[in-house]
Amino acid sequence: MQQTSLHQGSGRQACSQCQAAFENTEDDFTFYESLGVPPPRLCPECRFVRRLNERNARVLYKRNCDLTGREIISPYHRNHPFPVYAADVWWGDEWDELSYGRDFDFSRPFFEQFAELLSVVPHQATFVITGTLQNSDYTNCTGYCKNCYLIAEADHNEDCYYGNRLFFNTSMVDCSNCYESELCYETINCIKCFNVRFSEYCQTCSDSAFLKNCIGCKNCIGCINQRQKQYMIFNEQLAQSEFEKRLGEMKLDTQSGIVRMREQVDAFFLTQPQRVLQNEHNQNSTGNHLYDSKNSAECFDCKDLEDCKWCAKVFSVRSSRDYTSWGDTAELMYQCAACGDHSYGLKFCSTCTTNNANLEYCAHSTGSKDCFGCVGLRHKQHCIFNKQYSEEEYKELKARIIEHMRSATLCSSGATEGQAGEYGEYFPKELCPYAYNETIAMEYFPLTKEEALAKGYRWQEPIDEMPDVEKTVPADRLPETIAQVPDDILNWAVTCQETKRPYRIMKRELEFYRQQNLPIPRLHPDVRHDRRQSRRAGAHLFSRTCAKCGKEMQTSFAPDWPEIVYCEECYLKEVY
């Protein structure tokens, strides 16, 4: 199918990667013109997958800092070609990013030269905002956290362990996509909750467990679709004495009691209406897991957006498109991944943090503005390929490079061979430092090893090192209750009952389980994470009819799934 130019009336074209038909609207063309970029050649989904592949938040390796030699953790294993510096060293004065500067060669493609620069400039070991973390060394993609351990994509948290996408929380363990909550365990997409366990899609609930789609509930167990209720079990109203009697019989302080309750709750939830989408407080917006947003389309796992489209996993963003991961006061972002914290006017950038402005085709840079094709910049301006220019020289050379990119021929960059024009396309997948199964792309669009390799992605087999411990204990031999667990479990390795991978229990984690009277988890943290993700809908919407009124609707539940799904109007009538 012939590609339509920016100024033609129709925007329908075929994706240059998957050949699926997609359409750019007049509003899309207006946005592209305002940025001075051509319309993309990849469909929204292919663009989304490519950006997701740029974010490895949770797969971390032990390695050594290439400048100091000290042991560190990093999403980059030892076999990467570029140097990796500990975060505090990367932010320090012991190296100079401009020493890697070079002239642009107009006889060669831009991406080919950028790949060479990317392979030699030091990378930050973990993607964190140094100076904002206290006692939170073992975290990644984080900022403004205190006493946190193995959390990722998280900001403004305290005493949180083993979670992802946590914002403004305190004392949370094994939680995902939670905001402004405290003392929660195994919760998913919960907002302003307190002492809630094994629950999902709840707001302002407290002292409860195994809830779904509840608001303002207290002392409730195994309930769904309830509002402002207390002393309920499986949606049945009880007297306080009866509630406490049945709660005691459930033995939710034991591993077997929790497993039994999980099975009963999931079976019960299938008999109740499910909400068509998990969206709250939005105006003129579409997507799923979308909150407090306005005039935003096809956005997923986002909060506080305005005038955005095709965004995912970002918060506090304005006037942006094709933007994935982070946000936190960002505006006019286009085709960017893992960038944020007061960023403005970034195009085609990756892994750039804090007070960046007007960057194009830059990576791993901070506090910089008006730069093009640079890697690892810190508080620089008017640089191209890590070389300093005057403002006039910068503008002239940048314009020449863009014109060169527009006429260049893409070969190995992911576009169809012989197709003209590098400019306007995101970094080709060959430039990504991560294997597909290391990144959050695997959570939204899972692939087998064979499928990933066939699509041109890399694959990394797990690297587990047996901890240096006194003994190793199979998870199925752990005591039923936390009261039976000795202090020296801190010196053991536990092997996951599902994967047999070893994991440790740390002191602060053990204190949390004892305080909350919870048994030691039997599964490796990665397995626990995967199970939480499996309880959440991805970035696909399906056509389906409302089980109540028969109206056609877009929902996160596939037509052949067993759930009873109501449209928003019927659902609200049911719960209020």
Protein backbone atom coordinates (compact mmCIF):
# COMPACT_ATOMS: atom_id res chain seq x y z
CA MET A 1 0.00 0.00 0.00
CA GLN A 2 1.36 3.42 -0.89
CA GLN A 3 2.24 5.62 2.06
CA THR A 4 0.25 8.84 2.27
CA SER A 5 2.12 12.09 2.59
CA LEU A 6 1.58 14.44 5.48
CA HIS A 7 -0.47 16.90 3.45
CA GLN A 8 -2.79 14.45 1.72
CA GLY A 9 -6.32 14.03 2.98
CA SER A 10 -6.19 10.32 3.83
CA GLY A 11 -3.76 8.98 6.41
CA ARG A 12 -4.32 5.27 5.80
CA GLN A 13 -1.16 3.23 5.24
CA ALA A 14 0.48 -0.11 5.91
CA CYS A 15 2.89 -0.62 8.78
CA SER A 16 6.41 -1.08 7.40
CA GLN A 17 7.08 -3.79 9.98
CA CYS A 18 3.95 -5.92 10.39
CA GLN A 19 2.06 -4.69 7.27
CA ALA A 20 -1.11 -4.06 9.31
CA ALA A 21 -3.22 -1.16 8.06
CA PHE A 22 -3.43 1.88 10.32
CA GLU A 23 -4.61 5.45 9.92
CA ASN A 24 -3.31 8.84 10.93
CA THR A 25 -6.09 11.33 11.55
CA GLU A 26 -6.09 15.01 10.69
CA ASP A 27 -5.41 15.67 14.35
CA ASP A 28 -2.35 13.39 14.13
CA PHE A 29 -1.08 15.26 11.08
CA THR A 30 -1.51 18.57 12.88
CA PHE A 31 0.55 17.26 15.79
CA TYR A 32 3.32 15.99 13.50
CA GLU A 33 3.43 19.28 11.62
CA SER A 34 3.71 21.22 14.86
CA LEU A 35 6.82 19.20 15.74
CA GLY A 36 8.25 19.30 12.22
CA VAL A 37 8.36 15.51 11.92
CA PRO A 38 6.97 13.18 9.25
CA PRO A 39 4.20 10.73 10.18
CA PRO A 40 5.53 7.39 11.48
CA ARG A 41 5.79 4.37 9.22
CA LEU A 42 5.14 1.84 11.98
CA CYS A 43 1.66 1.19 13.33
CA PRO A 44 0.88 2.26 16.93
CA GLU A 45 1.33 -1.28 18.29
CA CYS A 46 4.73 -1.84 16.68
CA ARG A 47 5.87 1.56 17.95
CA PHE A 48 4.59 0.65 21.41
CA VAL A 49 6.42 -2.68 21.51
CA ARG A 50 9.66 -1.05 20.40
CA ARG A 51 9.48 1.52 23.21
CA LEU A 52 8.60 -1.15 25.78
CA ASN A 53 11.72 -3.02 24.71
CA GLU A 54 13.78 0.01 25.79
CA ARG A 55 12.84 -0.46 29.47
CA ASN A 56 14.42 -3.13 31.65
CA ALA A 57 13.12 -2.26 35.10
CA ARG A 58 13.33 -5.54 37.01
CA VAL A 59 15.90 -7.95 35.57
CA LEU A 60 19.07 -7.06 37.45
CA TYR A 61 22.54 -8.60 37.44
CA LYS A 62 25.55 -8.46 39.71
CA ARG A 63 28.58 -6.96 38.01
CA ASN A 64 31.42 -4.54 38.73
CA CYS A 65 31.61 -0.82 38.12
CA ASP A 66 33.96 -0.37 35.17
CA LEU A 67 35.56 2.71 36.74
CA THR A 68 35.93 1.80 40.43
CA GLY A 69 35.74 -2.00 40.29
CA ARG A 70 33.26 -2.23 43.15
CA GLU A 71 30.39 -4.71 42.99
CA ILE A 72 27.07 -3.25 41.85
CA ILE A 73 23.72 -4.34 40.46
CA SER A 74 22.56 -3.31 37.02
CA PRO A 75 20.10 -4.17 34.25
CA TYR A 76 23.23 -4.53 32.08
CA HIS A 77 25.03 -7.85 32.44
CA ARG A 78 28.79 -8.16 32.05
CA ASN A 79 28.74 -8.90 28.32
CA HIS A 80 27.57 -5.49 27.10
CA PRO A 81 30.14 -3.58 25.02
CA PHE A 82 29.80 -0.20 26.78
CA PRO A 83 31.25 0.66 30.21
CA VAL A 84 28.82 0.63 33.14
CA TYR A 85 29.42 2.96 36.09
CA ALA A 86 27.82 2.87 39.54
CA ALA A 87 25.09 5.51 39.71
CA ASP A 88 26.99 7.84 42.06
CA VAL A 89 30.13 7.49 39.92
CA TRP A 90 28.21 8.17 36.70
CA TRP A 91 26.89 11.41 38.21
CA GLY A 92 30.35 12.37 39.49
CA ASP A 93 33.27 14.34 38.03
CA GLU A 94 35.61 11.40 37.36
CA TRP A 95 34.77 11.19 33.67
CA ASP A 96 33.94 13.56 30.82
CA GLU A 97 31.19 12.71 28.35
CA LEU A 98 32.51 15.26 25.83
CA SER A 99 35.74 13.26 25.53
CA TYR A 100 33.70 10.85 23.39
CA GLY A 101 32.65 13.62 21.01
CA ARG A 102 33.03 13.12 17.28
CA ASP A 103 32.16 14.76 13.97
CA PHE A 104 29.14 13.63 12.01
CA ASP A 105 30.04 11.77 8.83
CA PHE A 106 27.62 12.72 6.04
CA SER A 107 28.68 9.71 3.97
CA ARG A 108 27.11 7.31 6.51
CA PRO A 109 23.65 6.76 8.03
CA PHE A 110 22.84 8.48 11.32
CA PHE A 111 21.77 5.33 13.19
CA GLU A 112 24.97 3.51 12.25
CA GLN A 113 27.07 6.31 13.75
CA PHE A 114 24.83 6.69 16.79
CA ALA A 115 25.22 2.97 17.52
CA GLU A 116 29.00 3.42 17.65
CA LEU A 117 28.68 6.30 20.12
CA LEU A 118 26.19 4.34 22.22
CA SER A 119 28.62 1.43 22.48
CA VAL A 120 31.46 3.44 24.08
CA VAL A 121 29.88 6.08 26.36
CA PRO A 122 29.49 4.90 29.98
CA HIS A 123 25.97 3.89 31.05
CA GLN A 124 24.53 4.48 34.50
CA ALA A 125 24.37 1.15 36.34
CA THR A 126 20.82 1.70 37.55
CA PHE A 127 18.38 4.25 36.20
CA VAL A 128 17.81 6.27 39.37
CA ILE A 129 17.76 9.90 40.43
CA THR A 130 20.87 9.95 42.57
CA GLY A 131 20.57 12.17 45.61
CA THR A 132 16.88 11.40 46.07
CA LEU A 133 17.32 7.83 47.35
CA GLN A 134 17.94 6.92 50.99
CA ASN A 135 18.92 3.36 51.85
CA SER A 136 17.44 2.19 48.56
CA ASP A 137 20.48 0.96 46.63
CA TYR A 138 18.77 -2.18 45.35
CA THR A 139 16.14 -0.44 43.23
CA ASN A 140 15.90 0.51 39.56
CA CYS A 141 13.95 3.15 37.66
CA THR A 142 13.29 4.95 40.92
CA GLY A 143 13.52 8.36 42.55
CA TYR A 144 12.64 9.99 45.85
CA CYS A 145 12.52 6.70 47.81
CA LYS A 146 13.56 5.76 51.34
CA ASN A 147 14.26 2.29 52.77
CA CYS A 148 13.07 0.49 49.63
CA TYR A 149 14.30 -2.80 48.19
CA LEU A 150 13.79 -4.37 44.75
CA ILE A 151 11.07 -2.02 43.59
CA ALA A 152 11.03 -0.64 40.07
CA GLU A 153 9.36 2.16 38.13
CA ALA A 154 8.57 3.79 41.43
CA ASP A 155 8.78 7.29 42.90
CA HIS A 156 8.11 8.90 46.28
CA ASN A 157 7.91 5.73 48.40
CA GLU A 158 9.09 4.62 51.83
CA ASP A 159 9.60 1.11 53.25
CA CYS A 160 8.40 -0.66 50.10
CA TYR A 161 9.75 -4.02 48.87
CA TYR A 162 9.27 -6.21 45.78
CA GLY A 163 6.91 -4.09 43.72
CA ASN A 164 6.57 -2.04 40.58
CA ARG A 165 4.87 1.19 39.59
CA LEU A 166 4.43 2.46 43.13
CA PHE A 167 3.88 6.16 43.75
CA PHE A 168 3.58 7.95 47.10
CA ASN A 169 3.22 4.76 49.17
CA THR A 170 4.45 3.58 52.58
CA SER A 171 5.09 0.03 53.83
CA MET A 172 4.01 -1.97 50.78
CA VAL A 173 5.21 -5.47 49.88
CA ASP A 174 4.55 -7.32 46.61
CA CYS A 175 2.31 -4.60 45.19
CA SER A 176 1.89 -3.27 41.65
CA ASN A 177 0.43 -0.07 40.24
CA CYS A 178 -0.56 1.45 43.57
CA TYR A 179 -0.88 5.08 44.59
CA GLU A 180 -0.96 6.81 47.98
CA SER A 181 -1.48 3.60 49.98
CA GLU A 182 -0.02 2.20 53.16
CA LEU A 183 0.58 -1.15 54.83
CA CYS A 184 -0.65 -3.24 51.89
CA TYR A 185 0.39 -6.68 50.67
CA GLU A 186 -0.18 -8.30 47.26
CA THR A 187 -2.38 -5.47 46.00
CA ILE A 188 -2.85 -4.43 42.38
CA ASN A 189 -4.09 -1.07 41.09
CA CYS A 190 -5.20 0.21 44.46
CA ILE A 191 -5.46 3.89 45.41
CA LYS A 192 -5.47 5.38 48.91
CA CYS A 193 -5.90 2.03 50.66
CA PHE A 194 -4.71 1.05 54.15
CA ASN A 195 -3.94 -2.44 55.44
CA VAL A 196 -5.42 -4.20 52.41
CA ARG A 197 -4.20 -7.59 51.17
CA PHE A 198 -4.64 -9.77 48.08
CA SER A 199 -6.88 -7.16 46.44
CA GLU A 200 -7.21 -5.34 43.14
CA TYR A 201 -8.85 -2.22 41.72
CA CYS A 202 -9.86 -0.77 45.08
CA GLN A 203 -9.98 2.77 46.42
CA THR A 204 -10.02 4.09 49.99
CA CYS A 205 -10.51 0.61 51.46
CA SER A 206 -8.99 -0.53 54.75
CA ASP A 207 -8.47 -3.57 56.97
CA SER A 208 -9.70 -5.94 54.27
CA ALA A 209 -8.55 -8.80 52.05
CA PHE A 210 -9.39 -10.42 48.71
CA LEU A 211 -11.39 -7.47 47.35
CA LYS A 212 -12.02 -6.43 43.77
CA ASN A 213 -13.53 -3.20 42.49
CA CYS A 214 -14.50 -1.95 45.94
CA ILE A 215 -14.57 1.64 47.19
CA GLY A 216 -14.60 2.82 50.79
CA CYS A 217 -14.94 -0.65 52.31
CA LYS A 218 -13.64 -1.68 55.73
CA ASN A 219 -13.39 -5.09 57.39
CA CYS A 220 -14.52 -6.96 54.27
CA ILE A 221 -13.28 -10.29 52.89
CA GLY A 222 -13.78 -11.81 49.44
CA CYS A 223 -16.04 -9.01 48.17
CA ILE A 224 -16.51 -7.49 44.73
CA ASN A 225 -18.31 -4.35 43.51
CA GLN A 226 -19.09 -3.05 47.01
CA ARG A 227 -19.32 0.59 48.08
CA GLN A 228 -18.89 1.94 51.61
CA LYS A 229 -19.54 -1.42 53.28
CA GLN A 230 -18.30 -3.05 56.49
CA TYR A 231 -18.32 -6.59 57.91
CA MET A 232 -19.06 -8.37 54.64
CA ILE A 233 -17.80 -11.74 53.40
CA PHE A 234 -18.45 -12.84 49.82
CA ASN A 235 -20.84 -9.86 49.44
CA GLU A 236 -22.93 -11.03 52.40
CA GLN A 237 -23.64 -8.52 55.15
CA LEU A 238 -22.83 -9.89 58.61
CA ALA A 239 -22.92 -8.73 62.19
CA GLN A 240 -19.49 -7.85 63.57
CA SER A 241 -19.42 -10.92 65.82
CA GLU A 242 -20.31 -13.29 62.97
CA PHE A 243 -17.75 -11.61 60.69
CA GLU A 244 -14.98 -12.07 63.25
CA LYS A 245 -15.99 -15.70 63.85
CA ARG A 246 -15.84 -16.58 60.14
CA LEU A 247 -12.63 -14.62 59.65
CA GLY A 248 -10.95 -16.69 62.33
CA GLU A 249 -12.14 -19.90 60.68
CA MET A 250 -10.49 -18.88 57.38
CA LYS A 251 -7.00 -19.02 58.96
CA LEU A 252 -5.62 -16.31 56.70
CA ASP A 253 -2.44 -16.32 58.78
CA THR A 254 -1.52 -19.68 57.20
CA GLN A 255 -0.24 -20.52 53.76
CA SER A 256 -2.90 -23.16 53.19
CA GLY A 257 -5.64 -20.78 54.32
CA ILE A 258 -4.52 -18.12 51.86
CA VAL A 259 -4.32 -20.60 48.96
CA ARG A 260 -7.76 -21.98 49.76
CA MET A 261 -9.25 -18.49 50.00
CA ARG A 262 -7.69 -17.44 46.69
CA GLU A 263 -9.38 -20.35 44.92
CA GLN A 264 -12.77 -19.62 46.51
CA VAL A 265 -12.57 -15.91 45.77
CA ASP A 266 -11.63 -16.36 42.10
CA ALA A 267 -14.53 -18.77 41.60
CA PHE A 268 -16.93 -16.35 43.30
CA PHE A 269 -15.75 -13.37 41.28
CA LEU A 270 -16.63 -15.21 38.04
CA THR A 271 -20.27 -15.24 39.14
CA GLN A 272 -20.37 -11.44 39.54
CA PRO A 273 -20.44 -8.61 36.97
CA GLN A 274 -17.08 -7.28 35.88
CA ARG A 275 -16.45 -3.66 34.97
CA VAL A 276 -15.92 -3.10 31.26
CA LEU A 277 -12.70 -1.08 31.82
CA GLN A 278 -10.69 0.07 34.81
CA ASN A 279 -10.89 3.82 34.29
CA GLU A 280 -11.65 6.55 36.85
CA HIS A 281 -12.29 10.30 36.74
CA ASN A 282 -11.55 10.80 33.03
CA GLN A 283 -12.97 13.24 30.49
CA ASN A 284 -13.10 12.44 26.78
CA SER A 285 -10.44 9.75 27.15
CA THR A 286 -10.00 6.13 26.06
CA GLY A 287 -7.77 3.27 27.16
CA ASN A 288 -7.55 1.14 30.28
CA HIS A 289 -6.09 1.57 33.76
CA LEU A 290 -6.46 5.28 33.07
CA TYR A 291 -7.08 7.77 35.88
CA ASP A 292 -7.69 11.52 36.28
CA SER A 293 -7.10 12.25 32.59
CA LYS A 294 -8.56 14.57 29.98
CA ASN A 295 -8.68 14.49 26.18
CA SER A 296 -6.37 11.48 25.96
CA ALA A 297 -6.80 8.55 23.59
CA GLU A 298 -5.59 4.94 23.61
CA CYS A 299 -3.59 5.35 26.82
CA PHE A 300 -2.88 2.53 29.26
CA ASP A 301 -1.62 2.41 32.85
CA CYS A 302 -1.53 6.19 33.12
CA LYS A 303 -2.60 8.88 35.56
CA ASP A 304 -3.06 12.63 35.20
CA LEU A 305 -2.80 13.06 31.43
CA GLU A 306 -4.09 15.86 29.23
CA ASP A 307 -4.14 16.02 25.42
CA CYS A 308 -2.17 12.78 25.02
CA LYS A 309 -2.36 9.78 22.69
CA TRP A 310 -0.73 6.34 22.61
CA CYS A 311 0.88 6.77 26.02
CA ALA A 312 1.54 4.02 28.56
CA LYS A 313 2.95 3.77 32.07
CA VAL A 314 3.33 7.52 32.55
CA PHE A 315 1.85 10.06 34.96
CA SER A 316 1.52 13.86 35.05
CA VAL A 317 1.97 14.38 31.28
CA ARG A 318 0.66 17.03 28.87
CA SER A 319 0.44 17.23 25.06
CA SER A 320 2.43 14.09 24.28
CA ARG A 321 2.18 11.06 21.98
CA ASP A 322 3.88 7.70 21.70
CA TYR A 323 5.35 8.12 25.16
CA THR A 324 6.09 5.15 27.41
CA SER A 325 7.37 4.90 30.97
CA TRP A 326 7.76 7.60 33.57
CA GLY A 327 6.41 11.12 33.03
CA ASP A 328 6.32 13.06 36.34
CA THR A 329 5.71 16.56 34.99
CA ALA A 330 6.50 16.06 31.31
CA GLU A 331 5.19 17.93 28.29
CA LEU A 332 5.45 17.74 24.51
CA MET A 333 7.09 14.32 24.44
CA TYR A 334 7.05 12.30 21.21
CA GLN A 335 8.30 8.76 20.58
CA CYS A 336 10.18 8.61 23.88
CA ALA A 337 10.77 5.76 26.31
CA ALA A 338 11.95 5.81 29.94
CA CYS A 339 12.22 9.59 30.06
CA GLY A 340 10.80 12.01 32.59
CA ASP A 341 11.01 14.15 35.72
CA HIS A 342 10.35 17.69 34.45
CA SER A 343 11.10 17.03 30.78
CA TYR A 344 9.94 19.19 27.89
CA GLY A 345 10.08 18.85 24.13
CA LEU A 346 11.88 15.51 23.77
CA LYS A 347 11.67 13.60 20.49
CA PHE A 348 12.97 10.07 19.81
CA CYS A 349 14.80 9.80 23.15
CA SER A 350 15.49 6.98 25.58
CA THR A 351 16.41 6.86 29.27
CA CYS A 352 16.76 10.60 29.83
CA THR A 353 16.04 12.05 33.25
CA THR A 354 15.40 15.30 35.11
CA ASN A 355 15.14 18.76 33.59
CA ASN A 356 15.87 17.91 29.97
CA ALA A 357 14.47 20.11 27.19
CA ASN A 358 14.47 20.08 23.40
CA LEU A 359 16.49 16.91 22.91
CA GLU A 360 16.29 14.75 19.78
CA TYR A 361 17.71 11.27 19.32
CA CYS A 362 19.47 11.40 22.69
CA ALA A 363 19.94 8.68 25.29
CA HIS A 364 21.05 8.47 28.93
CA SER A 365 21.21 12.22 29.38
CA THR A 366 20.21 14.51 32.24
CA GLY A 367 19.70 18.23 32.81
CA SER A 368 20.53 19.03 29.18
CA LYS A 369 18.82 21.10 26.50
CA ASP A 370 19.05 21.74 22.77
CA CYS A 371 21.12 18.63 21.93
CA PHE A 372 20.93 16.14 19.07
CA GLY A 373 22.27 12.58 18.74
CA CYS A 374 24.07 12.51 22.09
CA VAL A 375 24.65 9.87 24.78
CA GLY A 376 25.31 10.33 28.48
CA LEU A 377 25.19 14.13 28.62
CA ARG A 378 25.00 15.85 32.00
CA HIS A 379 23.93 19.50 32.05
CA LYS A 380 25.06 20.32 28.52
CA GLN A 381 23.64 22.46 25.72
CA HIS A 382 24.14 22.73 21.95
CA CYS A 383 25.91 19.38 21.56
CA ILE A 384 25.79 16.96 18.61
CA PHE A 385 27.35 13.52 18.90
CA ASN A 386 28.79 14.61 22.28
CA LYS A 387 30.67 17.48 20.68
CA GLN A 388 30.16 21.08 21.83
CA TYR A 389 29.05 23.77 19.35
CA SER A 390 27.99 27.38 19.50
CA GLU A 391 24.26 28.02 19.23
CA GLU A 392 24.56 29.11 15.59
CA GLU A 393 26.78 26.15 14.66
CA TYR A 394 24.41 23.77 16.44
CA LYS A 395 21.33 24.97 14.57
CA GLU A 396 23.03 24.84 11.20
CA LEU A 397 24.57 21.38 11.68
CA LYS A 398 21.38 19.94 13.16
CA ALA A 399 19.38 21.09 10.13
CA ARG A 400 21.93 19.51 7.77
CA ILE A 401 21.88 16.19 9.68
CA ILE A 402 18.07 16.06 9.66
CA GLU A 403 18.07 16.65 5.91
CA HIS A 404 20.66 13.88 5.55
CA MET A 405 18.50 11.55 7.67
CA ARG A 406 15.42 12.30 5.58
CA SER A 407 17.19 11.10 2.45
CA ALA A 408 19.10 8.19 4.00
CA THR A 409 18.27 4.58 3.15
CA LEU A 410 17.27 2.30 5.99
CA CYS A 411 18.62 -1.22 5.79
CA SER A 412 19.10 -3.00 9.10
CA SER A 413 17.15 -0.47 11.14
CA GLY A 414 13.88 -2.34 11.23
CA ALA A 415 12.21 -0.67 8.26
CA THR A 416 11.73 -2.27 4.88
CA GLU A 417 14.97 -2.44 2.93
CA GLY A 418 15.27 0.38 0.45
CA GLN A 419 12.79 2.61 2.29
CA ALA A 420 13.99 6.18 2.53
CA GLY A 421 14.23 8.29 5.62
CA GLU A 422 15.75 7.75 9.05
CA TYR A 423 14.31 10.95 10.48
CA GLY A 424 10.98 10.56 12.21
CA GLU A 425 11.60 6.93 13.20
CA TYR A 426 12.55 5.72 16.67
CA PHE A 427 15.89 4.01 17.31
CA PRO A 428 16.01 0.68 15.43
CA LYS A 429 15.72 -2.41 17.59
CA GLU A 430 19.35 -3.35 16.92
CA LEU A 431 20.38 -0.40 19.09
CA CYS A 432 18.44 -1.63 22.11
CA PRO A 433 20.79 -2.94 24.83
CA TYR A 434 18.27 -5.38 26.26
CA ALA A 435 16.96 -8.80 25.34
CA TYR A 436 13.22 -8.92 24.74
CA ASN A 437 12.53 -11.08 27.80
CA GLU A 438 14.43 -8.67 30.06
CA THR A 439 12.04 -5.81 29.34
CA ILE A 440 8.48 -4.78 30.10
CA ALA A 441 7.61 -5.62 26.49
CA MET A 442 7.38 -9.21 27.71
CA GLU A 443 4.60 -8.22 30.14
CA TYR A 444 2.37 -6.59 27.53
CA PHE A 445 3.22 -8.70 24.48
CA PRO A 446 4.71 -12.05 25.64
CA LEU A 447 6.75 -13.99 23.09
CA THR A 448 8.53 -17.31 23.13
CA LYS A 449 12.26 -17.34 22.59
CA GLU A 450 11.74 -18.54 19.03
CA GLU A 451 9.19 -15.82 18.28
CA ALA A 452 11.37 -13.07 19.72
CA LEU A 453 14.43 -14.17 17.75
CA ALA A 454 12.39 -14.45 14.57
CA LYS A 455 11.26 -10.84 15.01
CA GLY A 456 14.85 -9.65 15.36
CA TYR A 457 14.98 -9.25 19.15
CA ARG A 458 17.63 -10.69 21.44
CA TRP A 459 16.94 -13.27 24.17
CA GLN A 460 18.72 -13.71 27.51
CA GLU A 461 18.63 -16.91 29.51
CA PRO A 462 18.21 -16.35 33.28
CA ILE A 463 21.42 -15.98 35.28
CA ASP A 464 20.92 -17.14 38.87
CA GLU A 465 23.75 -17.30 41.36
CA MET A 466 23.27 -19.50 44.42
CA PRO A 467 23.52 -17.24 47.49
CA ASP A 468 26.31 -17.88 49.98
CA VAL A 469 24.13 -19.17 52.81
CA GLU A 470 24.16 -21.61 55.69
CA LYS A 471 21.53 -23.85 54.13
CA THR A 472 18.94 -24.09 51.39
CA VAL A 473 15.32 -24.91 52.14
CA PRO A 474 12.62 -25.89 49.62
CA ALA A 475 9.68 -23.49 49.86
CA ASP A 476 7.18 -26.27 50.49
CA ARG A 477 9.02 -27.06 53.74
CA LEU A 478 8.53 -23.59 55.17
CA PRO A 479 6.32 -23.34 58.27
CA GLU A 480 2.62 -22.65 57.79
CA THR A 481 2.69 -19.49 59.92
CA ILE A 482 5.16 -16.70 60.54
CA ALA A 483 5.15 -17.49 64.27
CA GLN A 484 6.94 -20.77 63.48
CA VAL A 485 9.70 -19.12 61.44
CA PRO A 486 13.05 -18.77 63.26
CA ASP A 487 15.21 -15.65 63.03
CA ASP A 488 17.95 -17.50 61.20
CA ILE A 489 15.79 -17.75 58.07
CA LEU A 490 17.74 -14.61 57.16
CA ASN A 491 20.74 -16.90 56.64
CA TRP A 492 18.89 -19.36 54.42
CA ALA A 493 18.15 -19.55 50.72
CA VAL A 494 14.62 -20.64 49.85
CA THR A 495 14.00 -22.42 46.55
CA CYS A 496 10.81 -21.45 44.75
CA GLN A 497 8.21 -24.21 44.78
CA GLU A 498 7.40 -23.49 41.14
CA THR A 499 10.73 -22.69 39.43
CA LYS A 500 13.26 -23.96 42.03
CA ARG A 501 15.10 -20.63 41.73
CA PRO A 502 16.71 -19.48 45.01
CA TYR A 503 15.68 -16.32 46.83
CA ARG A 504 16.43 -14.72 50.19
CA ILE A 505 14.30 -13.20 52.94
CA MET A 506 15.69 -9.90 54.16
CA LYS A 507 15.39 -8.49 57.67
CA ARG A 508 12.93 -5.66 56.93
CA GLU A 509 10.78 -8.02 54.89
CA LEU A 510 10.66 -10.53 57.76
CA GLU A 511 9.66 -7.74 60.14
CA PHE A 512 6.77 -6.84 57.83
CA TYR A 513 5.48 -10.43 57.72
CA ARG A 514 5.65 -10.66 61.50
CA GLN A 515 3.91 -7.36 61.99
CA GLN A 516 1.15 -8.36 59.55
CA ASN A 517 1.02 -12.00 60.68
CA LEU A 518 1.64 -13.26 57.16
CA PRO A 519 3.42 -16.51 56.18
CA ILE A 520 6.69 -16.45 54.26
CA PRO A 521 5.98 -16.45 50.48
CA ARG A 522 6.65 -19.74 48.70
CA LEU A 523 7.39 -18.25 45.29
CA HIS A 524 10.38 -16.41 43.88
CA PRO A 525 9.78 -12.61 43.65
CA ASP A 526 9.77 -12.83 39.84
CA VAL A 527 7.03 -15.46 39.91
CA ARG A 528 5.02 -13.37 42.34
CA HIS A 529 5.40 -10.40 40.00
CA ASP A 530 4.32 -12.45 36.98
CA ARG A 531 1.23 -13.68 38.82
CA ARG A 532 0.23 -10.14 39.68
CA GLN A 533 0.65 -9.11 36.08
CA SER A 534 -1.48 -12.04 34.92
CA ARG A 535 -4.37 -10.65 36.97
CA ARG A 536 -4.24 -7.39 35.03
CA ALA A 537 -5.49 -6.75 31.53
CA GLY A 538 -2.86 -5.75 29.01
CA ALA A 539 -2.99 -3.12 26.30
CA HIS A 540 -5.52 -4.92 24.11
CA LEU A 541 -9.18 -3.95 23.88
CA PHE A 542 -11.81 -6.30 22.45
CA SER A 543 -15.26 -5.84 20.98
CA ARG A 544 -17.89 -7.49 23.12
CA THR A 545 -21.55 -7.06 24.04
CA CYS A 546 -22.74 -6.05 27.49
CA ALA A 547 -24.10 -9.07 29.36
CA LYS A 548 -26.89 -6.90 30.76
CA CYS A 549 -28.18 -4.70 27.92
CA GLY A 550 -26.50 -6.21 24.85
CA LYS A 551 -24.81 -2.97 23.82
CA GLU A 552 -21.58 -3.18 21.81
CA MET A 553 -18.56 -2.06 23.83
CA GLN A 554 -14.78 -2.07 23.96
CA THR A 555 -13.42 -4.01 26.92
CA SER A 556 -10.25 -5.61 28.27
CA PHE A 557 -12.06 -8.99 28.47
CA ALA A 558 -11.84 -11.10 25.32
CA PRO A 559 -15.17 -12.40 23.95
CA ASP A 560 -14.36 -16.03 24.77
CA TRP A 561 -13.37 -15.36 28.38
CA PRO A 562 -15.79 -16.59 31.07
CA GLU A 563 -16.30 -13.29 32.92
CA ILE A 564 -19.70 -11.59 33.02
CA VAL A 565 -18.96 -8.09 31.70
CA TYR A 566 -21.24 -5.06 31.97
CA CYS A 567 -20.94 -1.78 30.10
CA GLU A 568 -20.14 1.22 32.29
CA GLU A 569 -23.76 2.37 32.51
CA CYS A 570 -25.09 -1.03 33.54
CA TYR A 571 -22.20 -1.58 35.93
CA LEU A 572 -22.81 1.68 37.75
CA LYS A 573 -26.51 0.88 38.09
CA GLU A 574 -25.53 -2.47 39.58
CA VAL A 575 -23.15 -1.15 42.24
CA TYR A 576 -24.94 2.05 43.27
